[in-house]
Amino acid sequence: MGFPDSPPTFVSRTPIRHHLFNTHMQYQIRHWNRGSSLVNLLKSLIAELVRTPPVLLTNNANRNPTYRSPITYAAPMAKPMPPPQPFTPAPVVQPRPRANDMTVEVTPKPRQPEYTPPRIDTSFYMLDGFNTEELRKLLSSDEKKDALVESLGIFSSGDKKKEELYTEVEDLAEKNLRQKPDFEIKRDELEKLRTKEQEMREKLVKLSASQNELQKKFSVESLRKQLSSLVTAADEASEEILQKYNDSEMELDAYIKEYIKARSLFHRRSAKQERINLMNNNGNPAF
């Protein structure tokens, strides 16, 4: 049997020494069934390798002499030889001028870019017409500062939007207040319907209980038992009439009338009993 009935085989390509791997570098799976999760198995294996790192076998002395890797690798394909390149003679290097038998080579250093600080505009055009005294008064007065800010028109769009929102909220509130009487009427109607639904639910529970009782009372088995007792009673009544006639306790005309009546009742009940038995055996109604 193969996977998943049999456990998979995990093989380490690198020779290692670890308590989870045998000498053939195969991972020993101890508990495996068809419902085991391969993902959970790999997670537990990786967690154990992280917790207890394996020892890498780098020497042939540490390796098992009988170890043969069960993984076969395809032989590497030989790379094609590049085409021969045409011969190019090396460039002739001109000798550098010598000074006092020493070679002087001057390498210019790269020039660092000069740092230019960002330009920040610190002028406020709205304060150009203010002198020193007016600026002092502006700093000491909150009203003047508020008036200056309002004159700039920075928050005018926000104030306009705020006023529009206020107006919209007021309109919605007035609309809801106008709909309050209708809402209260609908709420009262809903409460009445809820009360009526509760009463009908209680009535349904009572009718369901009564139905269950009737089903138990008039079930096939119950009817069969009742008819059986009634058939026996009718038979005994006819036999009792016959016994009275034999004992000369009844006239012939009365005997014939009563006996035919009792036997007719017996046969009708017997026919119903047969139909009940047939319905019970076949599972189909016989009436």
C-alpha atoms as a PDB file:
ATOM      1  CA  MET A   1       0.000   0.000   0.000  1.00  0.00           C
ATOM      2  CA  GLY A   2       1.271   3.471  -0.867  1.00  0.00           C
ATOM      3  CA  PHE A   3       0.729   6.975   0.369  1.00  0.00           C
ATOM      4  CA  PRO A   4      -1.485   8.055   2.136  1.00  0.00           C
ATOM      5  CA  ASP A   5      -2.075   4.611   3.711  1.00  0.00           C
ATOM      6  CA  SER A   6       1.670   4.204   4.224  1.00  0.00           C
ATOM      7  CA  PRO A   7       3.814   7.010   5.701  1.00  0.00           C
ATOM      8  CA  PRO A   8       5.894   9.161   3.337  1.00  0.00           C
ATOM      9  CA  THR A   9       9.690   8.982   3.288  1.00  0.00           C
ATOM     10  CA  PHE A  10      11.746  12.050   4.188  1.00  0.00           C
ATOM     11  CA  VAL A  11      15.422  11.849   3.219  1.00  0.00           C
ATOM     12  CA  SER A  12      18.171  14.337   4.063  1.00  0.00           C
ATOM     13  CA  ARG A  13      20.392  15.032   1.065  1.00  0.00           C
ATOM     14  CA  THR A  14      23.122  16.258   3.382  1.00  0.00           C
ATOM     15  CA  PRO A  15      24.717  13.621   5.671  1.00  0.00           C
ATOM     16  CA  ILE A  16      23.818  14.563   9.231  1.00  0.00           C
ATOM     17  CA  ARG A  17      23.617  13.018  12.673  1.00  0.00           C
ATOM     18  CA  HIS A  18      20.282  13.480  14.440  1.00  0.00           C
ATOM     19  CA  HIS A  19      18.057  11.365  16.672  1.00  0.00           C
ATOM     20  CA  LEU A  20      15.171  11.631  14.183  1.00  0.00           C
ATOM     21  CA  PHE A  21      17.210  10.283  11.217  1.00  0.00           C
ATOM     22  CA  ASN A  22      18.689   6.809  10.819  1.00  0.00           C
ATOM     23  CA  THR A  23      22.034   5.941   9.232  1.00  0.00           C
ATOM     24  CA  HIS A  24      20.442   6.131   5.779  1.00  0.00           C
ATOM     25  CA  MET A  25      19.435   9.745   6.432  1.00  0.00           C
ATOM     26  CA  GLN A  26      15.739   8.791   6.521  1.00  0.00           C
ATOM     27  CA  TYR A  27      13.310  10.413   8.931  1.00  0.00           C
ATOM     28  CA  GLN A  28      11.668   7.811  11.182  1.00  0.00           C
ATOM     29  CA  ILE A  29       7.883   8.415  11.275  1.00  0.00           C
ATOM     30  CA  ARG A  30       6.508   6.608  14.325  1.00  0.00           C
ATOM     31  CA  HIS A  31       2.816   7.468  14.258  1.00  0.00           C
ATOM     32  CA  TRP A  32       1.021   7.662  10.904  1.00  0.00           C
ATOM     33  CA  ASN A  33      -2.486   6.935   9.644  1.00  0.00           C
ATOM     34  CA  ARG A  34      -4.575   7.893   6.670  1.00  0.00           C
ATOM     35  CA  GLY A  35      -5.949  10.984   8.429  1.00  0.00           C
ATOM     36  CA  SER A  36      -2.538  12.357   9.463  1.00  0.00           C
ATOM     37  CA  SER A  37      -1.644  15.852   8.243  1.00  0.00           C
ATOM     38  CA  LEU A  38       1.511  16.132   6.160  1.00  0.00           C
ATOM     39  CA  VAL A  39       1.738  19.877   6.886  1.00  0.00           C
ATOM     40  CA  ASN A  40       1.647  19.321  10.659  1.00  0.00           C
ATOM     41  CA  LEU A  41       4.270  16.584  10.300  1.00  0.00           C
ATOM     42  CA  LEU A  42       6.610  18.939   8.434  1.00  0.00           C
ATOM     43  CA  LYS A  43       6.017  21.713  10.991  1.00  0.00           C
ATOM     44  CA  SER A  44       6.886  19.388  13.888  1.00  0.00           C
ATOM     45  CA  LEU A  45       9.998  18.143  12.055  1.00  0.00           C
ATOM     46  CA  ILE A  46      11.232  21.699  11.359  1.00  0.00           C
ATOM     47  CA  ALA A  47      10.510  22.737  14.969  1.00  0.00           C
ATOM     48  CA  GLU A  48      12.524  19.779  16.301  1.00  0.00           C
ATOM     49  CA  LEU A  49      15.426  20.521  13.931  1.00  0.00           C
ATOM     50  CA  VAL A  50      15.426  24.137  15.116  1.00  0.00           C
ATOM     51  CA  ARG A  51      15.269  23.092  18.775  1.00  0.00           C
ATOM     52  CA  THR A  52      17.996  20.444  18.442  1.00  0.00           C
ATOM     53  CA  PRO A  53      20.131  21.301  15.395  1.00  0.00           C
ATOM     54  CA  PRO A  54      21.673  18.311  13.613  1.00  0.00           C
ATOM     55  CA  VAL A  55      25.421  17.666  13.374  1.00  0.00           C
ATOM     56  CA  LEU A  56      26.842  17.980   9.879  1.00  0.00           C
ATOM     57  CA  LEU A  57      28.979  14.995   8.883  1.00  0.00           C
ATOM     58  CA  THR A  58      31.955  16.519   7.071  1.00  0.00           C
ATOM     59  CA  ASN A  59      34.498  13.692   7.518  1.00  0.00           C
ATOM     60  CA  ASN A  60      34.312  10.318   5.911  1.00  0.00           C
ATOM     61  CA  ALA A  61      35.141   8.829   9.343  1.00  0.00           C
ATOM     62  CA  ASN A  62      31.880  10.174  10.742  1.00  0.00           C
ATOM     63  CA  ARG A  63      29.870   8.772   7.903  1.00  0.00           C
ATOM     64  CA  ASN A  64      28.383   5.299   7.774  1.00  0.00           C
ATOM     65  CA  PRO A  65      30.555   3.282   5.335  1.00  0.00           C
ATOM     66  CA  THR A  66      27.415   1.484   4.131  1.00  0.00           C
ATOM     67  CA  TYR A  67      25.494   4.694   3.552  1.00  0.00           C
ATOM     68  CA  ARG A  68      24.132   5.122   0.053  1.00  0.00           C
ATOM     69  CA  SER A  69      21.871   8.048  -0.616  1.00  0.00           C
ATOM     70  CA  PRO A  70      18.469   6.877  -1.863  1.00  0.00           C
ATOM     71  CA  ILE A  71      18.247  10.031  -3.991  1.00  0.00           C
ATOM     72  CA  THR A  72      19.759   9.788  -7.440  1.00  0.00           C
ATOM     73  CA  TYR A  73      20.847  12.917  -9.233  1.00  0.00           C
ATOM     74  CA  ALA A  74      21.019  13.392 -12.934  1.00  0.00           C
ATOM     75  CA  ALA A  75      24.539  13.792 -14.292  1.00  0.00           C
ATOM     76  CA  PRO A  76      25.316  17.408 -15.071  1.00  0.00           C
ATOM     77  CA  MET A  77      25.307  18.240 -18.760  1.00  0.00           C
ATOM     78  CA  ALA A  78      28.569  19.452 -20.212  1.00  0.00           C
ATOM     79  CA  LYS A  79      28.551  23.125 -21.077  1.00  0.00           C
ATOM     80  CA  PRO A  80      29.280  23.908 -24.735  1.00  0.00           C
ATOM     81  CA  MET A  81      32.717  25.346 -25.425  1.00  0.00           C
ATOM     82  CA  PRO A  82      32.640  29.033 -26.329  1.00  0.00           C
ATOM     83  CA  PRO A  83      33.767  29.884 -29.884  1.00  0.00           C
ATOM     84  CA  PRO A  84      37.386  31.066 -30.212  1.00  0.00           C
ATOM     85  CA  GLN A  85      37.819  34.827 -29.924  1.00  0.00           C
ATOM     86  CA  PRO A  86      39.992  36.738 -32.398  1.00  0.00           C
ATOM     87  CA  PHE A  87      43.412  37.803 -31.082  1.00  0.00           C
ATOM     88  CA  THR A  88      43.545  41.431 -29.979  1.00  0.00           C
ATOM     89  CA  PRO A  89      46.973  42.907 -29.161  1.00  0.00           C
ATOM     90  CA  ALA A  90      47.317  44.605 -25.784  1.00  0.00           C
ATOM     91  CA  PRO A  91      47.411  48.421 -25.898  1.00  0.00           C
ATOM     92  CA  VAL A  92      50.790  50.073 -25.609  1.00  0.00           C
ATOM     93  CA  VAL A  93      51.158  51.998 -22.357  1.00  0.00           C
ATOM     94  CA  GLN A  94      53.155  55.178 -22.674  1.00  0.00           C
ATOM     95  CA  PRO A  95      55.696  55.702 -19.853  1.00  0.00           C
ATOM     96  CA  ARG A  96      54.854  58.460 -17.384  1.00  0.00           C
ATOM     97  CA  PRO A  97      57.337  61.336 -16.926  1.00  0.00           C
ATOM     98  CA  ARG A  98      59.804  60.710 -14.112  1.00  0.00           C
ATOM     99  CA  ALA A  99      61.095  63.277 -11.622  1.00  0.00           C
ATOM    100  CA  ASN A 100      64.150  62.302  -9.608  1.00  0.00           C
ATOM    101  CA  ASP A 101      63.658  58.683 -10.671  1.00  0.00           C
ATOM    102  CA  MET A 102      60.253  58.631  -8.918  1.00  0.00           C
ATOM    103  CA  THR A 103      56.906  58.272 -10.550  1.00  0.00           C
ATOM    104  CA  VAL A 104      54.585  61.055  -9.526  1.00  0.00           C
ATOM    105  CA  GLU A 105      50.922  60.324 -10.063  1.00  0.00           C
ATOM    106  CA  VAL A 106      48.433  62.947  -9.015  1.00  0.00           C
ATOM    107  CA  THR A 107      44.827  61.729  -8.631  1.00  0.00           C
ATOM    108  CA  PRO A 108      42.323  64.532  -8.175  1.00  0.00           C
ATOM    109  CA  LYS A 109      39.888  63.946  -5.325  1.00  0.00           C
ATOM    110  CA  PRO A 110      36.205  64.006  -6.170  1.00  0.00           C
ATOM    111  CA  ARG A 111      34.653  67.307  -5.328  1.00  0.00           C
ATOM    112  CA  GLN A 112      31.988  67.162  -2.659  1.00  0.00           C
ATOM    113  CA  PRO A 113      28.767  68.980  -3.523  1.00  0.00           C
ATOM    114  CA  GLU A 114      28.228  72.129  -1.548  1.00  0.00           C
ATOM    115  CA  TYR A 115      25.337  72.111   0.893  1.00  0.00           C
ATOM    116  CA  THR A 116      22.670  74.638   0.096  1.00  0.00           C
ATOM    117  CA  PRO A 117      20.126  75.134   2.898  1.00  0.00           C
ATOM    118  CA  PRO A 118      16.499  75.193   1.851  1.00  0.00           C
ATOM    119  CA  ARG A 119      14.950  78.565   1.368  1.00  0.00           C
ATOM    120  CA  ILE A 120      12.102  79.267   3.731  1.00  0.00           C
ATOM    121  CA  ASP A 121       9.813  82.170   3.041  1.00  0.00           C
ATOM    122  CA  THR A 122       9.339  83.827   6.423  1.00  0.00           C
ATOM    123  CA  SER A 123       7.497  86.886   5.166  1.00  0.00           C
ATOM    124  CA  PHE A 124       3.814  87.368   5.996  1.00  0.00           C
ATOM    125  CA  TYR A 125       2.211  89.564   3.400  1.00  0.00           C
ATOM    126  CA  MET A 126      -0.789  90.262   5.619  1.00  0.00           C
ATOM    127  CA  LEU A 127       1.505  92.042   8.112  1.00  0.00           C
ATOM    128  CA  ASP A 128       3.235  94.308   5.625  1.00  0.00           C
ATOM    129  CA  GLY A 129       1.052  97.312   6.527  1.00  0.00           C
ATOM    130  CA  PHE A 130       1.591  97.000  10.297  1.00  0.00           C
ATOM    131  CA  ASN A 131       4.160  99.061  12.167  1.00  0.00           C
ATOM    132  CA  THR A 132       5.840  97.983  15.419  1.00  0.00           C
ATOM    133  CA  GLU A 133       3.185  99.459  17.675  1.00  0.00           C
ATOM    134  CA  GLU A 134       0.360  97.885  15.713  1.00  0.00           C
ATOM    135  CA  LEU A 135       2.103  94.505  15.814  1.00  0.00           C
ATOM    136  CA  ARG A 136       2.417  94.756  19.609  1.00  0.00           C
ATOM    137  CA  LYS A 137      -1.265  95.557  19.916  1.00  0.00           C
ATOM    138  CA  LEU A 138      -2.084  92.643  17.616  1.00  0.00           C
ATOM    139  CA  LEU A 139      -0.103  90.227  19.782  1.00  0.00           C
ATOM    140  CA  SER A 140      -1.756  91.441  22.971  1.00  0.00           C
ATOM    141  CA  SER A 141      -5.348  91.340  21.647  1.00  0.00           C
ATOM    142  CA  ASP A 142      -7.146  88.082  20.858  1.00  0.00           C
ATOM    143  CA  GLU A 143     -10.002  89.925  19.188  1.00  0.00           C
ATOM    144  CA  LYS A 144      -7.662  91.561  16.689  1.00  0.00           C
ATOM    145  CA  LYS A 145      -5.979  88.263  15.956  1.00  0.00           C
ATOM    146  CA  ASP A 146      -9.364  86.617  15.352  1.00  0.00           C
ATOM    147  CA  ALA A 147     -10.395  89.507  13.095  1.00  0.00           C
ATOM    148  CA  LEU A 148      -7.127  89.166  11.132  1.00  0.00           C
ATOM    149  CA  VAL A 149      -7.648  85.430  10.651  1.00  0.00           C
ATOM    150  CA  GLU A 150     -11.250  85.937   9.533  1.00  0.00           C
ATOM    151  CA  SER A 151     -10.148  88.609   7.063  1.00  0.00           C
ATOM    152  CA  LEU A 152      -7.815  86.094   5.402  1.00  0.00           C
ATOM    153  CA  GLY A 153     -10.747  83.846   4.456  1.00  0.00           C
ATOM    154  CA  ILE A 154      -8.868  80.659   5.317  1.00  0.00           C
ATOM    155  CA  PHE A 155     -11.764  79.116   7.270  1.00  0.00           C
ATOM    156  CA  SER A 156     -14.603  80.593   5.275  1.00  0.00           C
ATOM    157  CA  SER A 157     -15.182  77.410   3.264  1.00  0.00           C
ATOM    158  CA  GLY A 158     -15.159  75.336   6.477  1.00  0.00           C
ATOM    159  CA  ASP A 159     -17.616  77.682   8.159  1.00  0.00           C
ATOM    160  CA  LYS A 160     -19.888  77.505   5.135  1.00  0.00           C
ATOM    161  CA  LYS A 161     -19.789  73.720   5.144  1.00  0.00           C
ATOM    162  CA  LYS A 162     -20.513  73.700   8.879  1.00  0.00           C
ATOM    163  CA  GLU A 163     -23.543  75.946   8.397  1.00  0.00           C
ATOM    164  CA  GLU A 164     -24.816  73.670   5.631  1.00  0.00           C
ATOM    165  CA  LEU A 165     -24.440  70.644   7.903  1.00  0.00           C
ATOM    166  CA  TYR A 166     -26.282  72.424  10.706  1.00  0.00           C
ATOM    167  CA  THR A 167     -29.117  73.278   8.332  1.00  0.00           C
ATOM    168  CA  GLU A 168     -29.290  69.720   7.035  1.00  0.00           C
ATOM    169  CA  VAL A 169     -29.405  68.297  10.577  1.00  0.00           C
ATOM    170  CA  GLU A 170     -32.177  70.709  11.555  1.00  0.00           C
ATOM    171  CA  ASP A 171     -34.212  69.753   8.473  1.00  0.00           C
ATOM    172  CA  LEU A 172     -33.829  66.045   9.283  1.00  0.00           C
ATOM    173  CA  ALA A 173     -34.854  66.662  12.904  1.00  0.00           C
ATOM    174  CA  GLU A 174     -37.979  68.565  11.835  1.00  0.00           C
ATOM    175  CA  LYS A 175     -38.859  65.812   9.366  1.00  0.00           C
ATOM    176  CA  ASN A 176     -38.497  63.149  12.063  1.00  0.00           C
ATOM    177  CA  LEU A 177     -40.666  65.163  14.446  1.00  0.00           C
ATOM    178  CA  ARG A 178     -43.380  65.466  11.783  1.00  0.00           C
ATOM    179  CA  GLN A 179     -43.317  61.693  11.329  1.00  0.00           C
ATOM    180  CA  LYS A 180     -43.541  61.012  15.087  1.00  0.00           C
ATOM    181  CA  PRO A 181     -47.392  60.677  15.229  1.00  0.00           C
ATOM    182  CA  ASP A 182     -47.405  58.191  12.347  1.00  0.00           C
ATOM    183  CA  PHE A 183     -44.594  56.295  13.979  1.00  0.00           C
ATOM    184  CA  GLU A 184     -46.479  56.063  17.280  1.00  0.00           C
ATOM    185  CA  ILE A 185     -49.603  54.778  15.462  1.00  0.00           C
ATOM    186  CA  LYS A 186     -47.567  52.125  13.672  1.00  0.00           C
ATOM    187  CA  ARG A 187     -45.896  51.188  16.949  1.00  0.00           C
ATOM    188  CA  ASP A 188     -49.290  50.672  18.637  1.00  0.00           C
ATOM    189  CA  GLU A 189     -50.487  48.561  15.704  1.00  0.00           C
ATOM    190  CA  LEU A 190     -47.317  46.487  15.886  1.00  0.00           C
ATOM    191  CA  GLU A 191     -47.835  45.958  19.621  1.00  0.00           C
ATOM    192  CA  LYS A 192     -51.400  44.748  18.985  1.00  0.00           C
ATOM    193  CA  LEU A 193     -50.188  42.396  16.280  1.00  0.00           C
ATOM    194  CA  ARG A 194     -47.499  41.092  18.623  1.00  0.00           C
ATOM    195  CA  THR A 195     -50.124  40.404  21.324  1.00  0.00           C
ATOM    196  CA  LYS A 196     -52.374  38.665  18.808  1.00  0.00           C
ATOM    197  CA  GLU A 197     -49.461  36.615  17.533  1.00  0.00           C
ATOM    198  CA  GLN A 198     -48.646  35.548  21.087  1.00  0.00           C
ATOM    199  CA  GLU A 199     -52.253  34.456  21.684  1.00  0.00           C
ATOM    200  CA  MET A 200     -52.310  32.507  18.412  1.00  0.00           C
ATOM    201  CA  ARG A 201     -49.003  30.887  19.307  1.00  0.00           C
ATOM    202  CA  GLU A 202     -50.393  29.736  22.677  1.00  0.00           C
ATOM    203  CA  LYS A 203     -53.510  28.432  20.934  1.00  0.00           C
ATOM    204  CA  LEU A 204     -51.347  26.577  18.442  1.00  0.00           C
ATOM    205  CA  VAL A 205     -49.430  24.936  21.282  1.00  0.00           C
ATOM    206  CA  LYS A 206     -52.693  23.740  22.873  1.00  0.00           C
ATOM    207  CA  LEU A 207     -54.023  22.460  19.532  1.00  0.00           C
ATOM    208  CA  SER A 208     -50.742  20.658  18.868  1.00  0.00           C
ATOM    209  CA  ALA A 209     -50.942  18.962  22.255  1.00  0.00           C
ATOM    210  CA  SER A 210     -54.570  17.963  21.591  1.00  0.00           C
ATOM    211  CA  GLN A 211     -53.608  16.657  18.173  1.00  0.00           C
ATOM    212  CA  ASN A 212     -50.850  14.540  19.677  1.00  0.00           C
ATOM    213  CA  GLU A 213     -53.298  13.079  22.189  1.00  0.00           C
ATOM    214  CA  LEU A 214     -55.814  12.277  19.447  1.00  0.00           C
ATOM    215  CA  GLN A 215     -53.094  10.696  17.317  1.00  0.00           C
ATOM    216  CA  LYS A 216     -52.093   8.506  20.225  1.00  0.00           C
ATOM    217  CA  LYS A 217     -55.745   7.645  20.956  1.00  0.00           C
ATOM    218  CA  PHE A 218     -56.706   6.899  17.337  1.00  0.00           C
ATOM    219  CA  SER A 219     -53.501   5.376  16.127  1.00  0.00           C
ATOM    220  CA  VAL A 220     -53.570   2.158  14.111  1.00  0.00           C
ATOM    221  CA  GLU A 221     -52.393   0.099  17.048  1.00  0.00           C
ATOM    222  CA  SER A 222     -54.922   1.671  19.416  1.00  0.00           C
ATOM    223  CA  LEU A 223     -57.793   1.123  16.955  1.00  0.00           C
ATOM    224  CA  ARG A 224     -56.687  -2.463  16.410  1.00  0.00           C
ATOM    225  CA  LYS A 225     -56.747  -3.173  20.142  1.00  0.00           C
ATOM    226  CA  GLN A 226     -60.142  -1.473  20.605  1.00  0.00           C
ATOM    227  CA  LEU A 227     -61.699  -3.365  17.667  1.00  0.00           C
ATOM    228  CA  SER A 228     -60.277  -6.609  18.953  1.00  0.00           C
ATOM    229  CA  SER A 229     -61.967  -6.085  22.323  1.00  0.00           C
ATOM    230  CA  LEU A 230     -65.224  -5.017  20.628  1.00  0.00           C
ATOM    231  CA  VAL A 231     -65.214  -8.080  18.342  1.00  0.00           C
ATOM    232  CA  THR A 232     -64.730 -10.314  21.355  1.00  0.00           C
ATOM    233  CA  ALA A 233     -67.561  -8.542  23.211  1.00  0.00           C
ATOM    234  CA  ALA A 234     -69.937  -8.884  20.211  1.00  0.00           C
ATOM    235  CA  ASP A 235     -69.103 -12.582  19.876  1.00  0.00           C
ATOM    236  CA  GLU A 236     -69.718 -13.153  23.578  1.00  0.00           C
ATOM    237  CA  ALA A 237     -73.034 -11.245  23.378  1.00  0.00           C
ATOM    238  CA  SER A 238     -74.259 -13.456  20.495  1.00  0.00           C
ATOM    239  CA  GLU A 239     -73.194 -16.584  22.371  1.00  0.00           C
ATOM    240  CA  GLU A 240     -75.040 -15.355  25.448  1.00  0.00           C
ATOM    241  CA  ILE A 241     -78.240 -14.894  23.377  1.00  0.00           C
ATOM    242  CA  LEU A 242     -77.843 -18.394  21.988  1.00  0.00           C
ATOM    243  CA  GLN A 243     -77.390 -19.789  25.499  1.00  0.00           C
ATOM    244  CA  LYS A 244     -80.569 -18.056  26.679  1.00  0.00           C
ATOM    245  CA  TYR A 245     -82.522 -19.617  23.816  1.00  0.00           C
ATOM    246  CA  ASN A 246     -81.112 -23.037  24.571  1.00  0.00           C
ATOM    247  CA  ASP A 247     -82.119 -22.580  28.215  1.00  0.00           C
ATOM    248  CA  SER A 248     -85.672 -21.680  27.078  1.00  0.00           C
ATOM    249  CA  GLU A 249     -85.282 -18.218  28.514  1.00  0.00           C
ATOM    250  CA  MET A 250     -86.135 -16.511  25.194  1.00  0.00           C
ATOM    251  CA  GLU A 251     -88.845 -16.914  22.606  1.00  0.00           C
ATOM    252  CA  LEU A 252     -87.965 -17.922  19.075  1.00  0.00           C
ATOM    253  CA  ASP A 253     -88.930 -14.622  17.442  1.00  0.00           C
ATOM    254  CA  ALA A 254     -87.012 -12.588  20.005  1.00  0.00           C
ATOM    255  CA  TYR A 255     -84.082 -14.961  19.753  1.00  0.00           C
ATOM    256  CA  ILE A 256     -83.887 -14.678  15.967  1.00  0.00           C
ATOM    257  CA  LYS A 257     -84.116 -10.893  16.090  1.00  0.00           C
ATOM    258  CA  GLU A 258     -81.537 -10.440  18.850  1.00  0.00           C
ATOM    259  CA  TYR A 259     -79.174 -13.096  17.532  1.00  0.00           C
ATOM    260  CA  ILE A 260     -79.127 -11.657  13.972  1.00  0.00           C
ATOM    261  CA  LYS A 261     -78.503  -8.181  15.416  1.00  0.00           C
ATOM    262  CA  ALA A 262     -75.623  -9.413  17.606  1.00  0.00           C
ATOM    263  CA  ARG A 263     -74.004 -11.471  14.823  1.00  0.00           C
ATOM    264  CA  SER A 264     -74.321  -8.562  12.351  1.00  0.00           C
ATOM    265  CA  LEU A 265     -72.511  -6.335  14.825  1.00  0.00           C
ATOM    266  CA  PHE A 266     -69.864  -9.028  15.270  1.00  0.00           C
ATOM    267  CA  HIS A 267     -69.275  -9.382  11.494  1.00  0.00           C
ATOM    268  CA  ARG A 268     -69.075  -5.606  10.943  1.00  0.00           C
ATOM    269  CA  ARG A 269     -66.497  -5.258  13.677  1.00  0.00           C
ATOM    270  CA  SER A 270     -64.571  -8.276  12.356  1.00  0.00           C
ATOM    271  CA  ALA A 271     -64.462  -6.726   8.867  1.00  0.00           C
ATOM    272  CA  LYS A 272     -63.116  -3.475  10.315  1.00  0.00           C
ATOM    273  CA  GLN A 273     -60.538  -5.418  12.305  1.00  0.00           C
ATOM    274  CA  GLU A 274     -59.333  -7.167   9.121  1.00  0.00           C
ATOM    275  CA  ARG A 275     -59.009  -3.817   7.352  1.00  0.00           C
ATOM    276  CA  ILE A 276     -57.003  -2.392  10.280  1.00  0.00           C
ATOM    277  CA  ASN A 277     -54.701  -5.418  10.215  1.00  0.00           C
ATOM    278  CA  LEU A 278     -54.270  -5.092   6.444  1.00  0.00           C
ATOM    279  CA  MET A 279     -53.429  -1.380   6.796  1.00  0.00           C
ATOM    280  CA  ASN A 280     -50.936  -2.153   9.554  1.00  0.00           C
ATOM    281  CA  ASN A 281     -49.217  -4.829   7.443  1.00  0.00           C
ATOM    282  CA  ASN A 282     -49.064  -2.903   4.146  1.00  0.00           C
ATOM    283  CA  GLY A 283     -48.572   0.591   5.560  1.00  0.00           C
ATOM    284  CA  ASN A 284     -51.420   1.934   3.374  1.00  0.00           C
ATOM    285  CA  PRO A 285     -54.884   3.066   4.530  1.00  0.00           C
ATOM    286  CA  ALA A 286     -57.517   0.400   3.978  1.00  0.00           C
ATOM    287  CA  PHE A 287     -60.575   2.656   4.283  1.00  0.00           C
END
